[in-house]
């Protein structure tokens, strides 16, 4: 697998390439600043990893929630992901238009809609998950397995 790069440099190396002559001690000791830098590197690598799929992070997140919760309602997906109600309808319509999911009226409550992945949605999610695993391996490659678990534990506490 090739190394993802920006400006001909590996994405994660960009964080290491700051000028050694410029002091940034205050900023480097701010969690928010460091989280933002890491987030930028992660998102650049994620975008490169998803090249050719046409998928954005929120779309993959929706497919993942539906995969783990077949028949889930649209509003529940939005609440689980922190996506505003007004943004869910167009996102769902977009994924339905891509034939990745289908919305079926709930038999018990005809006003409610249950959401399911299509076969194409299952295949797309499988492809995206493989790409995301490789992306996570690249971006977290400097951490041991124990450090990765600690990182996730700490991030979940915030």
N, C-alpha and C. Protein backbone atom coordinates (compact mmCIF):
# COMPACT_ATOMS: atom_id res chain seq x y z
N UNK A 1 0.85 -1.18 0.00
CA UNK A 1 0.00 0.00 0.00
C UNK A 1 0.89 1.23 0.00
N UNK A 2 0.52 2.21 -0.81
CA UNK A 2 1.35 3.41 -0.89
C UNK A 2 1.09 4.32 0.32
N UNK A 3 2.06 5.16 0.61
CA UNK A 3 1.94 6.11 1.71
C UNK A 3 1.15 7.31 1.22
N UNK A 4 0.13 7.67 1.96
CA UNK A 4 -0.67 8.84 1.63
C UNK A 4 0.19 10.07 1.84
N UNK A 5 0.13 11.03 0.91
CA UNK A 5 0.98 12.20 1.08
C UNK A 5 0.25 13.49 0.74
N UNK A 6 0.72 14.54 1.34
CA UNK A 6 0.28 15.90 1.06
C UNK A 6 1.55 16.69 0.79
N UNK A 7 1.55 17.44 -0.28
CA UNK A 7 2.75 18.19 -0.66
C UNK A 7 3.97 17.27 -0.70
N UNK A 8 3.78 16.05 -1.21
CA UNK A 8 4.84 15.05 -1.36
C UNK A 8 5.46 14.59 -0.05
N UNK A 9 4.75 14.75 1.07
CA UNK A 9 5.23 14.28 2.37
C UNK A 9 4.16 13.37 2.96
N UNK A 10 4.58 12.31 3.66
CA UNK A 10 3.58 11.50 4.35
C UNK A 10 2.78 12.39 5.31
N UNK A 11 1.48 12.20 5.34
CA UNK A 11 0.60 13.06 6.14
C UNK A 11 1.06 13.16 7.58
N UNK A 12 1.37 12.04 8.20
CA UNK A 12 1.73 12.08 9.61
C UNK A 12 3.08 12.74 9.83
N UNK A 13 3.91 12.77 8.81
CA UNK A 13 5.21 13.44 8.94
C UNK A 13 5.02 14.96 9.00
N UNK A 14 3.90 15.45 8.48
CA UNK A 14 3.66 16.89 8.51
C UNK A 14 3.67 17.43 9.94
N UNK A 15 3.19 16.65 10.89
CA UNK A 15 3.20 17.09 12.28
C UNK A 15 4.63 17.16 12.82
N UNK A 16 5.53 16.36 12.26
CA UNK A 16 6.91 16.34 12.71
C UNK A 16 7.77 17.39 12.02
N UNK A 17 7.27 17.98 10.95
CA UNK A 17 8.08 18.88 10.12
C UNK A 17 7.98 20.34 10.50
N UNK A 18 7.45 20.63 11.67
CA UNK A 18 7.39 22.02 12.08
C UNK A 18 8.79 22.55 12.27
N UNK A 19 8.95 23.84 12.09
CA UNK A 19 10.26 24.47 12.21
C UNK A 19 10.82 24.32 13.62
N UNK A 20 12.00 23.76 13.76
CA UNK A 20 12.60 23.63 15.09
C UNK A 20 13.03 24.97 15.67
N UNK A 21 13.10 25.99 14.82
CA UNK A 21 13.52 27.33 15.27
C UNK A 21 12.38 28.15 15.86
N UNK A 22 11.15 27.69 15.67
CA UNK A 22 10.00 28.44 16.17
C UNK A 22 9.44 27.70 17.38
N UNK A 23 9.40 28.39 18.50
CA UNK A 23 8.91 27.78 19.74
C UNK A 23 7.38 27.78 19.77
N UNK A 24 6.83 26.65 20.16
CA UNK A 24 5.37 26.51 20.26
C UNK A 24 4.99 25.75 21.54
N UNK A 25 5.76 25.98 22.60
CA UNK A 25 5.55 25.23 23.84
C UNK A 25 4.15 25.43 24.41
N UNK A 26 3.68 26.67 24.44
CA UNK A 26 2.35 26.92 24.97
C UNK A 26 1.30 26.13 24.20
N UNK A 27 1.34 26.25 22.87
CA UNK A 27 0.36 25.56 22.04
C UNK A 27 0.46 24.05 22.16
N UNK A 28 1.69 23.54 22.19
CA UNK A 28 1.89 22.09 22.26
C UNK A 28 1.40 21.49 23.57
N UNK A 29 1.16 22.30 24.56
CA UNK A 29 0.65 21.82 25.84
C UNK A 29 -0.85 22.07 25.99
N UNK A 30 -1.51 22.44 24.92
CA UNK A 30 -2.96 22.62 24.91
C UNK A 30 -3.60 21.42 24.23
N UNK A 31 -4.45 20.71 24.96
CA UNK A 31 -5.10 19.53 24.40
C UNK A 31 -5.88 19.87 23.13
N UNK A 32 -6.62 20.97 23.15
CA UNK A 32 -7.41 21.34 21.99
C UNK A 32 -6.57 21.58 20.75
N UNK A 33 -5.45 22.25 20.93
CA UNK A 33 -4.55 22.53 19.80
C UNK A 33 -4.00 21.22 19.22
N UNK A 34 -3.55 20.33 20.10
CA UNK A 34 -2.98 19.06 19.64
C UNK A 34 -4.06 18.19 18.99
N UNK A 35 -5.26 18.17 19.60
CA UNK A 35 -6.35 17.40 19.02
C UNK A 35 -6.68 17.91 17.62
N UNK A 36 -6.67 19.22 17.44
CA UNK A 36 -6.98 19.80 16.14
C UNK A 36 -5.92 19.43 15.10
N UNK A 37 -4.64 19.48 15.49
CA UNK A 37 -3.57 19.10 14.55
C UNK A 37 -3.70 17.63 14.14
N UNK A 38 -3.92 16.78 15.12
CA UNK A 38 -4.06 15.36 14.83
C UNK A 38 -5.31 15.12 13.99
N UNK A 39 -6.40 15.82 14.32
CA UNK A 39 -7.63 15.69 13.55
C UNK A 39 -7.41 16.07 12.08
N UNK A 40 -6.69 17.16 11.85
CA UNK A 40 -6.40 17.57 10.47
C UNK A 40 -5.62 16.50 9.73
N UNK A 41 -4.61 15.93 10.37
CA UNK A 41 -3.82 14.87 9.74
C UNK A 41 -4.69 13.64 9.49
N UNK A 42 -5.52 13.27 10.48
CA UNK A 42 -6.41 12.13 10.33
C UNK A 42 -7.37 12.33 9.16
N UNK A 43 -7.98 13.51 9.08
CA UNK A 43 -8.97 13.75 8.04
C UNK A 43 -8.35 13.79 6.65
N UNK A 44 -7.13 14.29 6.55
CA UNK A 44 -6.44 14.27 5.25
C UNK A 44 -6.19 12.84 4.81
N UNK A 45 -5.73 12.02 5.74
CA UNK A 45 -5.46 10.62 5.42
C UNK A 45 -6.76 9.87 5.14
N UNK A 46 -7.81 10.17 5.92
CA UNK A 46 -9.11 9.52 5.71
C UNK A 46 -9.63 9.84 4.31
N UNK A 47 -9.57 11.10 3.93
CA UNK A 47 -10.06 11.51 2.60
C UNK A 47 -9.30 10.77 1.50
N UNK A 48 -8.00 10.67 1.66
CA UNK A 48 -7.20 9.95 0.67
C UNK A 48 -7.56 8.46 0.65
N UNK A 49 -7.80 7.90 1.83
CA UNK A 49 -8.16 6.48 1.92
C UNK A 49 -9.51 6.20 1.25
N UNK A 50 -10.41 7.16 1.26
CA UNK A 50 -11.74 6.98 0.68
C UNK A 50 -11.81 7.35 -0.80
N UNK A 51 -10.69 7.77 -1.37
CA UNK A 51 -10.66 8.15 -2.78
C UNK A 51 -11.26 7.03 -3.64
N UNK A 52 -12.17 7.43 -4.50
CA UNK A 52 -12.79 6.49 -5.41
C UNK A 52 -14.10 5.90 -4.89
N UNK A 53 -14.38 6.05 -3.59
CA UNK A 53 -15.62 5.52 -3.04
C UNK A 53 -16.75 6.53 -3.11
N UNK A 54 -16.41 7.81 -3.12
CA UNK A 54 -17.42 8.86 -3.08
C UNK A 54 -18.04 9.04 -1.70
N UNK A 55 -17.43 8.41 -0.69
CA UNK A 55 -18.00 8.44 0.66
C UNK A 55 -17.31 9.48 1.54
N UNK A 56 -18.14 10.13 2.38
CA UNK A 56 -17.66 11.07 3.39
C UNK A 56 -17.80 10.42 4.76
N UNK A 57 -17.10 10.94 5.77
CA UNK A 57 -17.17 10.33 7.10
C UNK A 57 -18.59 10.16 7.63
N UNK A 58 -19.44 11.16 7.48
CA UNK A 58 -20.80 11.06 8.01
C UNK A 58 -21.59 9.96 7.30
N UNK A 59 -21.35 9.79 6.03
CA UNK A 59 -22.06 8.74 5.28
C UNK A 59 -21.64 7.35 5.77
N UNK A 60 -20.34 7.17 5.97
CA UNK A 60 -19.85 5.89 6.47
C UNK A 60 -20.40 5.64 7.88
N UNK A 61 -20.45 6.69 8.68
CA UNK A 61 -20.99 6.56 10.04
C UNK A 61 -22.45 6.12 10.00
N UNK A 62 -23.23 6.69 9.13
CA UNK A 62 -24.65 6.30 9.01
C UNK A 62 -24.76 4.85 8.60
N UNK A 63 -24.00 4.45 7.58
CA UNK A 63 -24.05 3.05 7.13
C UNK A 63 -23.66 2.10 8.26
N UNK A 64 -22.67 2.49 9.04
CA UNK A 64 -22.21 1.66 10.14
C UNK A 64 -23.30 1.49 11.20
N UNK A 65 -23.98 2.59 11.55
CA UNK A 65 -25.06 2.51 12.55
C UNK A 65 -26.20 1.63 12.03
N UNK A 66 -26.56 1.79 10.77
CA UNK A 66 -27.64 0.98 10.20
C UNK A 66 -27.23 -0.49 10.16
N UNK A 67 -25.98 -0.76 9.83
CA UNK A 67 -25.49 -2.13 9.79
C UNK A 67 -25.59 -2.79 11.17
N UNK A 68 -25.26 -2.05 12.20
CA UNK A 68 -25.30 -2.60 13.56
C UNK A 68 -26.70 -2.60 14.15
N UNK A 69 -27.63 -1.86 13.52
CA UNK A 69 -28.99 -1.72 14.04
C UNK A 69 -30.01 -1.79 12.91
N UNK A 70 -30.13 -2.93 12.22
CA UNK A 70 -31.08 -3.01 11.10
C UNK A 70 -32.48 -2.62 11.55
N UNK A 71 -33.12 -1.77 10.74
CA UNK A 71 -34.47 -1.33 11.06
C UNK A 71 -34.52 -0.10 11.95
N UNK A 72 -33.35 0.45 12.27
CA UNK A 72 -33.29 1.64 13.11
C UNK A 72 -34.03 2.78 12.44
N UNK A 73 -34.56 3.68 13.24
CA UNK A 73 -35.26 4.84 12.69
C UNK A 73 -34.28 5.96 12.42
N UNK A 74 -34.61 6.76 11.43
CA UNK A 74 -33.76 7.87 10.99
C UNK A 74 -33.40 8.80 12.15
N UNK A 75 -34.36 9.16 12.97
CA UNK A 75 -34.11 10.07 14.10
C UNK A 75 -33.13 9.47 15.10
N UNK A 76 -33.22 8.16 15.30
CA UNK A 76 -32.30 7.50 16.23
C UNK A 76 -30.87 7.54 15.70
N UNK A 77 -30.71 7.40 14.40
CA UNK A 77 -29.38 7.49 13.78
C UNK A 77 -28.81 8.87 14.04
N UNK A 78 -29.61 9.89 13.77
CA UNK A 78 -29.17 11.27 13.98
C UNK A 78 -28.75 11.53 15.42
N UNK A 79 -29.57 11.06 16.38
CA UNK A 79 -29.23 11.26 17.79
C UNK A 79 -27.95 10.51 18.15
N UNK A 80 -27.79 9.29 17.66
CA UNK A 80 -26.59 8.50 17.97
C UNK A 80 -25.33 9.18 17.45
N UNK A 81 -25.42 9.85 16.30
CA UNK A 81 -24.26 10.46 15.67
C UNK A 81 -24.13 11.96 15.94
N UNK A 82 -25.12 12.53 16.60
CA UNK A 82 -25.08 13.97 16.87
C UNK A 82 -25.30 14.80 15.62
N UNK A 83 -26.09 14.27 14.68
CA UNK A 83 -26.40 14.98 13.44
C UNK A 83 -27.76 15.65 13.62
N UNK A 84 -27.83 16.93 13.32
CA UNK A 84 -29.07 17.69 13.46
C UNK A 84 -30.17 17.07 12.61
N UNK A 85 -31.38 17.12 13.14
CA UNK A 85 -32.54 16.55 12.45
C UNK A 85 -32.69 17.10 11.03
N UNK A 86 -32.47 18.40 10.86
CA UNK A 86 -32.60 19.03 9.54
C UNK A 86 -31.58 18.48 8.54
N UNK A 87 -30.45 17.98 9.04
CA UNK A 87 -29.42 17.46 8.14
C UNK A 87 -29.61 15.98 7.82
N UNK A 88 -30.37 15.28 8.65
CA UNK A 88 -30.53 13.84 8.44
C UNK A 88 -31.32 13.51 7.17
N UNK A 89 -32.41 14.23 6.93
CA UNK A 89 -33.24 13.91 5.76
C UNK A 89 -32.44 13.98 4.46
N UNK A 90 -31.68 15.05 4.21
CA UNK A 90 -30.92 15.07 2.96
C UNK A 90 -29.82 14.01 2.92
N UNK A 91 -29.20 13.72 4.07
CA UNK A 91 -28.18 12.67 4.10
C UNK A 91 -28.79 11.31 3.76
N UNK A 92 -29.94 11.03 4.35
CA UNK A 92 -30.60 9.76 4.08
C UNK A 92 -31.04 9.67 2.62
N UNK A 93 -31.57 10.76 2.09
CA UNK A 93 -31.99 10.79 0.69
C UNK A 93 -30.80 10.56 -0.24
N UNK A 94 -29.68 11.15 0.14
CA UNK A 94 -28.47 10.98 -0.67
C UNK A 94 -28.03 9.51 -0.68
N UNK A 95 -27.99 8.89 0.50
CA UNK A 95 -27.58 7.48 0.58
C UNK A 95 -28.60 6.56 -0.09
N UNK A 96 -29.87 6.91 0.00
CA UNK A 96 -30.90 6.12 -0.68
C UNK A 96 -30.75 6.28 -2.19
N UNK A 97 -30.45 7.51 -2.64
CA UNK A 97 -30.23 7.74 -4.06
C UNK A 97 -29.02 6.99 -4.61
N UNK A 98 -28.05 6.77 -3.73
CA UNK A 98 -26.86 5.99 -4.11
C UNK A 98 -27.14 4.49 -4.03
N UNK A 99 -28.36 4.15 -3.64
CA UNK A 99 -28.81 2.75 -3.51
C UNK A 99 -28.03 1.99 -2.44
N UNK A 100 -27.60 2.72 -1.38
CA UNK A 100 -26.85 2.10 -0.29
C UNK A 100 -27.73 1.74 0.89
N UNK A 101 -28.87 2.40 0.99
CA UNK A 101 -29.82 2.04 2.04
C UNK A 101 -31.23 2.24 1.52
N UNK A 102 -32.16 1.63 2.26
CA UNK A 102 -33.57 1.79 1.90
C UNK A 102 -34.36 2.11 3.16
N UNK A 103 -35.37 2.95 2.97
CA UNK A 103 -36.25 3.35 4.06
C UNK A 103 -37.61 2.70 3.82
N UNK A 104 -38.07 1.98 4.84
CA UNK A 104 -39.33 1.25 4.74
C UNK A 104 -40.25 1.72 5.86
N UNK A 105 -41.49 2.08 5.53
CA UNK A 105 -42.43 2.50 6.58
C UNK A 105 -42.57 1.41 7.64
N UNK A 106 -42.53 1.82 8.91
CA UNK A 106 -42.66 0.89 10.04
C UNK A 106 -44.10 0.38 10.08
N UNK A 107 -44.27 -0.93 10.16
CA UNK A 107 -45.61 -1.52 10.16
C UNK A 107 -46.41 -1.12 11.39
N UNK A 108 -45.74 -0.95 12.53
CA UNK A 108 -46.44 -0.60 13.77
C UNK A 108 -46.81 0.88 13.81
N UNK A 109 -46.02 1.72 13.18
CA UNK A 109 -46.26 3.17 13.19
C UNK A 109 -45.94 3.70 11.80
N UNK A 110 -46.97 3.86 10.98
CA UNK A 110 -46.78 4.23 9.57
C UNK A 110 -46.11 5.59 9.39
N UNK A 111 -46.06 6.40 10.45
CA UNK A 111 -45.36 7.69 10.36
C UNK A 111 -43.85 7.51 10.46
N UNK A 112 -43.44 6.42 11.09
CA UNK A 112 -42.02 6.14 11.30
C UNK A 112 -41.46 5.35 10.11
N UNK A 113 -40.17 5.49 9.90
CA UNK A 113 -39.49 4.81 8.80
C UNK A 113 -38.32 4.02 9.36
N UNK A 114 -38.25 2.75 9.00
CA UNK A 114 -37.13 1.90 9.40
C UNK A 114 -36.10 1.91 8.28
N UNK A 115 -34.83 1.88 8.67
CA UNK A 115 -33.75 2.00 7.68
C UNK A 115 -32.94 0.70 7.64
N UNK A 116 -32.64 0.25 6.43
CA UNK A 116 -31.89 -0.98 6.22
C UNK A 116 -30.82 -0.74 5.15
N UNK A 117 -29.71 -1.46 5.25
CA UNK A 117 -28.71 -1.43 4.19
C UNK A 117 -29.17 -2.30 3.03
N UNK A 118 -28.88 -1.86 1.83
CA UNK A 118 -29.09 -2.70 0.65
C UNK A 118 -27.86 -3.59 0.49
N UNK A 119 -27.90 -4.49 -0.46
CA UNK A 119 -26.71 -5.32 -0.75
C UNK A 119 -25.54 -4.42 -1.16
N UNK A 120 -25.83 -3.39 -1.96
CA UNK A 120 -24.79 -2.44 -2.36
C UNK A 120 -24.25 -1.69 -1.15
N UNK A 121 -25.12 -1.35 -0.21
CA UNK A 121 -24.71 -0.67 1.01
C UNK A 121 -23.81 -1.55 1.86
N UNK A 122 -24.14 -2.83 1.94
CA UNK A 122 -23.31 -3.78 2.69
C UNK A 122 -21.92 -3.89 2.05
N UNK A 123 -21.90 -3.97 0.73
CA UNK A 123 -20.61 -4.07 0.01
C UNK A 123 -19.80 -2.79 0.18
N UNK A 124 -20.45 -1.64 0.07
CA UNK A 124 -19.74 -0.36 0.24
C UNK A 124 -19.17 -0.25 1.64
N UNK A 125 -19.97 -0.60 2.65
CA UNK A 125 -19.50 -0.51 4.03
C UNK A 125 -18.33 -1.46 4.26
N UNK A 126 -18.39 -2.65 3.72
CA UNK A 126 -17.27 -3.60 3.85
C UNK A 126 -16.00 -3.02 3.25
N UNK A 127 -16.12 -2.42 2.06
CA UNK A 127 -14.98 -1.78 1.40
C UNK A 127 -14.44 -0.63 2.25
N UNK A 128 -15.35 0.22 2.75
CA UNK A 128 -14.94 1.37 3.55
C UNK A 128 -14.28 0.92 4.86
N UNK A 129 -14.82 -0.10 5.48
CA UNK A 129 -14.24 -0.58 6.74
C UNK A 129 -12.80 -1.07 6.52
N UNK A 130 -12.56 -1.76 5.42
CA UNK A 130 -11.19 -2.22 5.12
C UNK A 130 -10.26 -1.03 4.93
N UNK A 131 -10.73 -0.02 4.21
CA UNK A 131 -9.93 1.19 4.00
C UNK A 131 -9.68 1.93 5.31
N UNK A 132 -10.70 1.97 6.16
CA UNK A 132 -10.59 2.67 7.44
C UNK A 132 -9.63 1.92 8.37
N UNK A 133 -9.67 0.60 8.35
CA UNK A 133 -8.72 -0.17 9.17
C UNK A 133 -7.27 0.14 8.74
N UNK A 134 -7.05 0.20 7.43
CA UNK A 134 -5.71 0.53 6.93
C UNK A 134 -5.33 1.95 7.31
N UNK A 135 -6.29 2.86 7.21
CA UNK A 135 -6.08 4.27 7.60
C UNK A 135 -5.71 4.35 9.08
N UNK A 136 -6.43 3.65 9.93
CA UNK A 136 -6.15 3.67 11.37
C UNK A 136 -4.77 3.06 11.65
N UNK A 137 -4.44 2.02 10.91
CA UNK A 137 -3.12 1.39 11.09
C UNK A 137 -2.01 2.39 10.74
N UNK A 138 -2.20 3.12 9.63
CA UNK A 138 -1.20 4.12 9.23
C UNK A 138 -1.11 5.25 10.25
N UNK A 139 -2.26 5.79 10.62
CA UNK A 139 -2.24 6.99 11.46
C UNK A 139 -1.89 6.70 12.91
N UNK A 140 -2.13 5.49 13.35
CA UNK A 140 -1.82 5.13 14.75
C UNK A 140 -0.63 4.19 14.83
N UNK A 141 0.11 4.06 13.75
CA UNK A 141 1.21 3.11 13.67
C UNK A 141 2.32 3.32 14.70
N UNK A 142 2.44 4.51 15.22
CA UNK A 142 3.48 4.78 16.22
C UNK A 142 3.08 4.31 17.61
N UNK A 143 1.82 3.96 17.79
CA UNK A 143 1.33 3.55 19.11
C UNK A 143 1.29 2.03 19.23
N UNK A 144 1.57 1.55 20.44
CA UNK A 144 1.41 0.13 20.70
C UNK A 144 -0.08 -0.16 20.83
N UNK A 145 -0.45 -1.43 20.84
CA UNK A 145 -1.86 -1.80 21.01
C UNK A 145 -2.39 -1.27 22.34
N UNK A 146 -1.59 -1.37 23.37
CA UNK A 146 -1.98 -0.87 24.69
C UNK A 146 -2.18 0.65 24.66
N UNK A 147 -1.31 1.36 23.98
CA UNK A 147 -1.44 2.82 23.86
C UNK A 147 -2.69 3.20 23.07
N UNK A 148 -3.02 2.42 22.04
CA UNK A 148 -4.23 2.69 21.26
C UNK A 148 -5.47 2.55 22.13
N UNK A 149 -5.49 1.49 22.94
CA UNK A 149 -6.63 1.28 23.84
C UNK A 149 -6.72 2.41 24.86
N UNK A 150 -5.57 2.85 25.37
CA UNK A 150 -5.56 3.97 26.33
C UNK A 150 -6.05 5.23 25.65
N UNK A 151 -5.60 5.49 24.44
CA UNK A 151 -6.04 6.67 23.70
C UNK A 151 -7.55 6.67 23.54
N UNK A 152 -8.12 5.56 23.10
CA UNK A 152 -9.57 5.48 22.94
C UNK A 152 -10.30 5.65 24.26
N UNK A 153 -9.76 5.05 25.31
CA UNK A 153 -10.37 5.19 26.63
C UNK A 153 -10.38 6.65 27.06
N UNK A 154 -9.25 7.33 26.88
CA UNK A 154 -9.16 8.74 27.26
C UNK A 154 -10.06 9.62 26.40
N UNK A 155 -10.10 9.38 25.11
CA UNK A 155 -10.96 10.18 24.23
C UNK A 155 -12.43 9.97 24.59
N UNK A 156 -12.79 8.77 24.97
CA UNK A 156 -14.18 8.50 25.36
C UNK A 156 -14.56 9.17 26.67
N UNK A 157 -13.56 9.56 27.47
CA UNK A 157 -13.84 10.25 28.72
C UNK A 157 -14.12 11.75 28.51
N UNK A 158 -13.69 12.27 27.37
CA UNK A 158 -13.85 13.71 27.12
C UNK A 158 -15.29 13.99 26.72
